[in-house]
Each structure stands twice: as structure tokens, then as C-alpha cells.
């Protein structure tokens, strides 16, 4: 039973980190400055340096893929998806 609750907490924390990382990435993309885009890359690099397995799990998730689409079109797509989700769920 304790193992199950530890696994549940672990899954919850990974999901929470995925959401926080996604929101941070979107806000940095929306800012659009080269400094902000560099900070987004540094955030992902920091996660990779701390826990490579966790980094791969986050990057391979739908949200991780979405906020790391390449190029200007990828960034516009990520911001557009964020705006749609914002309207659907009423946050920010």
C-alpha cells in the first residue's frame, strides 16, 4: 500500500512539473525576446542536467513536444494552442 501511495505522489509530482514547465515555456515564448527564448532553453537544459530520464519523459509528453516545436512557426503554434486552451478552460 505504501508503494502505491509513493507511486501516486511521484506521478502527481511529475505531472505538476510538466504543467509548470509548460506554462513557464509558453510565457517565455510569448515574451518573444532572445533573452526569454534563451531562458526557456536553459530551463530544459537544467532539467536534463538534473535528471535525464525525467527530461526525456517531459520532452516526449504532448505538452513537452508542443512547447518545443522548432522555429518561429513552432512557437506560434504553441502560443496558439495555449490561447485555445486558455479560452476553453478559463485560466490566466
Protein backbone atom coordinates (compact mmCIF):
# COMPACT_ATOMS: atom_id res chain seq x y z
CA UNK A 1 0.00 0.00 0.00
CA UNK A 2 2.82 2.42 0.83
CA UNK A 3 4.45 1.70 -2.52
CA UNK A 4 1.19 2.57 -4.30
CA UNK A 5 0.88 5.89 -2.48
CA UNK A 6 4.53 6.70 -3.21
CA UNK A 7 3.91 5.95 -6.89
CA UNK A 8 0.82 8.15 -6.85
CA UNK A 9 2.77 11.02 -5.32
CA UNK A 10 5.58 10.52 -7.82
CA UNK A 11 3.13 10.58 -10.74
CA UNK A 12 1.43 13.67 -9.32
CA UNK A 13 4.74 15.50 -8.95
CA UNK A 14 5.82 14.61 -12.49
CA UNK A 15 2.50 15.88 -13.86
CA UNK A 16 2.79 19.05 -11.78
CA UNK A 17 6.34 19.63 -13.07
CA UNK A 18 5.13 19.05 -16.63
CA UNK A 19 2.42 21.69 -16.23
CA UNK A 20 4.70 24.24 -14.55
CA UNK A 21 7.43 23.71 -17.15
CA UNK A 22 4.90 24.04 -19.98
CA UNK A 23 3.43 27.25 -18.61
CA UNK A 24 6.89 28.71 -17.99
CA UNK A 25 7.93 27.79 -21.53
CA UNK A 26 4.79 29.30 -23.07
CA UNK A 27 5.17 32.55 -21.15
CA UNK A 28 8.81 32.81 -22.22
CA UNK A 29 7.84 32.08 -25.84
CA UNK A 30 5.07 34.69 -25.68
CA UNK A 31 7.58 37.29 -24.47
CA UNK A 32 9.48 36.55 -27.66
CA UNK A 33 12.79 38.21 -26.82
CA UNK A 34 16.03 36.39 -27.50
CA UNK A 35 16.73 36.52 -23.75
CA UNK A 36 13.40 34.84 -22.97
CA UNK A 37 13.93 32.14 -25.57
CA UNK A 38 17.39 31.53 -24.12
CA UNK A 39 15.84 31.21 -20.63
CA UNK A 40 13.38 28.62 -21.96
CA UNK A 41 16.26 26.60 -23.37
CA UNK A 42 18.15 26.95 -20.09
CA UNK A 43 15.12 25.65 -18.17
CA UNK A 44 15.00 22.50 -20.29
CA UNK A 45 18.79 22.09 -20.09
CA UNK A 46 18.61 22.38 -16.29
CA UNK A 47 16.04 19.59 -16.13
CA UNK A 48 18.21 17.43 -18.40
CA UNK A 49 21.25 18.07 -16.19
CA UNK A 50 19.34 17.15 -13.03
CA UNK A 51 17.52 14.03 -14.24
CA UNK A 52 17.96 12.86 -17.82
CA UNK A 53 15.22 10.22 -17.57
CA UNK A 54 12.72 12.78 -16.26
CA UNK A 55 13.79 15.20 -19.00
CA UNK A 56 13.03 12.58 -21.67
CA UNK A 57 9.66 11.83 -20.10
CA UNK A 58 8.74 15.52 -20.11
CA UNK A 59 10.05 16.19 -23.62
CA UNK A 60 8.19 13.18 -25.06
CA UNK A 61 4.88 14.19 -23.49
CA UNK A 62 2.32 16.01 -25.61
CA UNK A 63 2.92 19.28 -23.74
CA UNK A 64 6.70 18.89 -23.92
CA UNK A 65 6.57 18.32 -27.65
CA UNK A 66 4.18 21.24 -28.09
CA UNK A 67 6.33 23.86 -26.38
CA UNK A 68 9.49 22.70 -28.14
CA UNK A 69 8.32 22.76 -31.73
CA UNK A 70 11.17 24.11 -33.84
CA UNK A 71 11.34 27.58 -35.34
CA UNK A 72 9.11 30.60 -35.41
CA UNK A 73 6.15 28.63 -36.78
CA UNK A 74 6.53 26.11 -33.94
CA UNK A 75 6.49 28.91 -31.37
CA UNK A 76 3.39 30.46 -32.98
CA UNK A 77 1.69 27.07 -32.96
CA UNK A 78 2.49 26.57 -29.25
CA UNK A 79 1.15 30.04 -28.34
CA UNK A 80 -1.98 29.45 -30.45
CA UNK A 81 -2.65 26.14 -28.70
CA UNK A 82 -2.14 27.86 -25.34
CA UNK A 83 -4.65 30.58 -26.26
CA UNK A 84 -7.23 28.00 -27.30
CA UNK A 85 -6.73 26.05 -24.04
CA UNK A 86 -6.95 29.32 -22.09
CA UNK A 87 -10.32 30.11 -23.64
CA UNK A 88 -11.62 26.57 -23.15
CA UNK A 89 -10.57 26.24 -19.52
CA UNK A 90 -10.68 29.89 -18.41
CA UNK A 91 -7.23 30.31 -16.85
CA UNK A 92 -4.94 33.39 -16.87
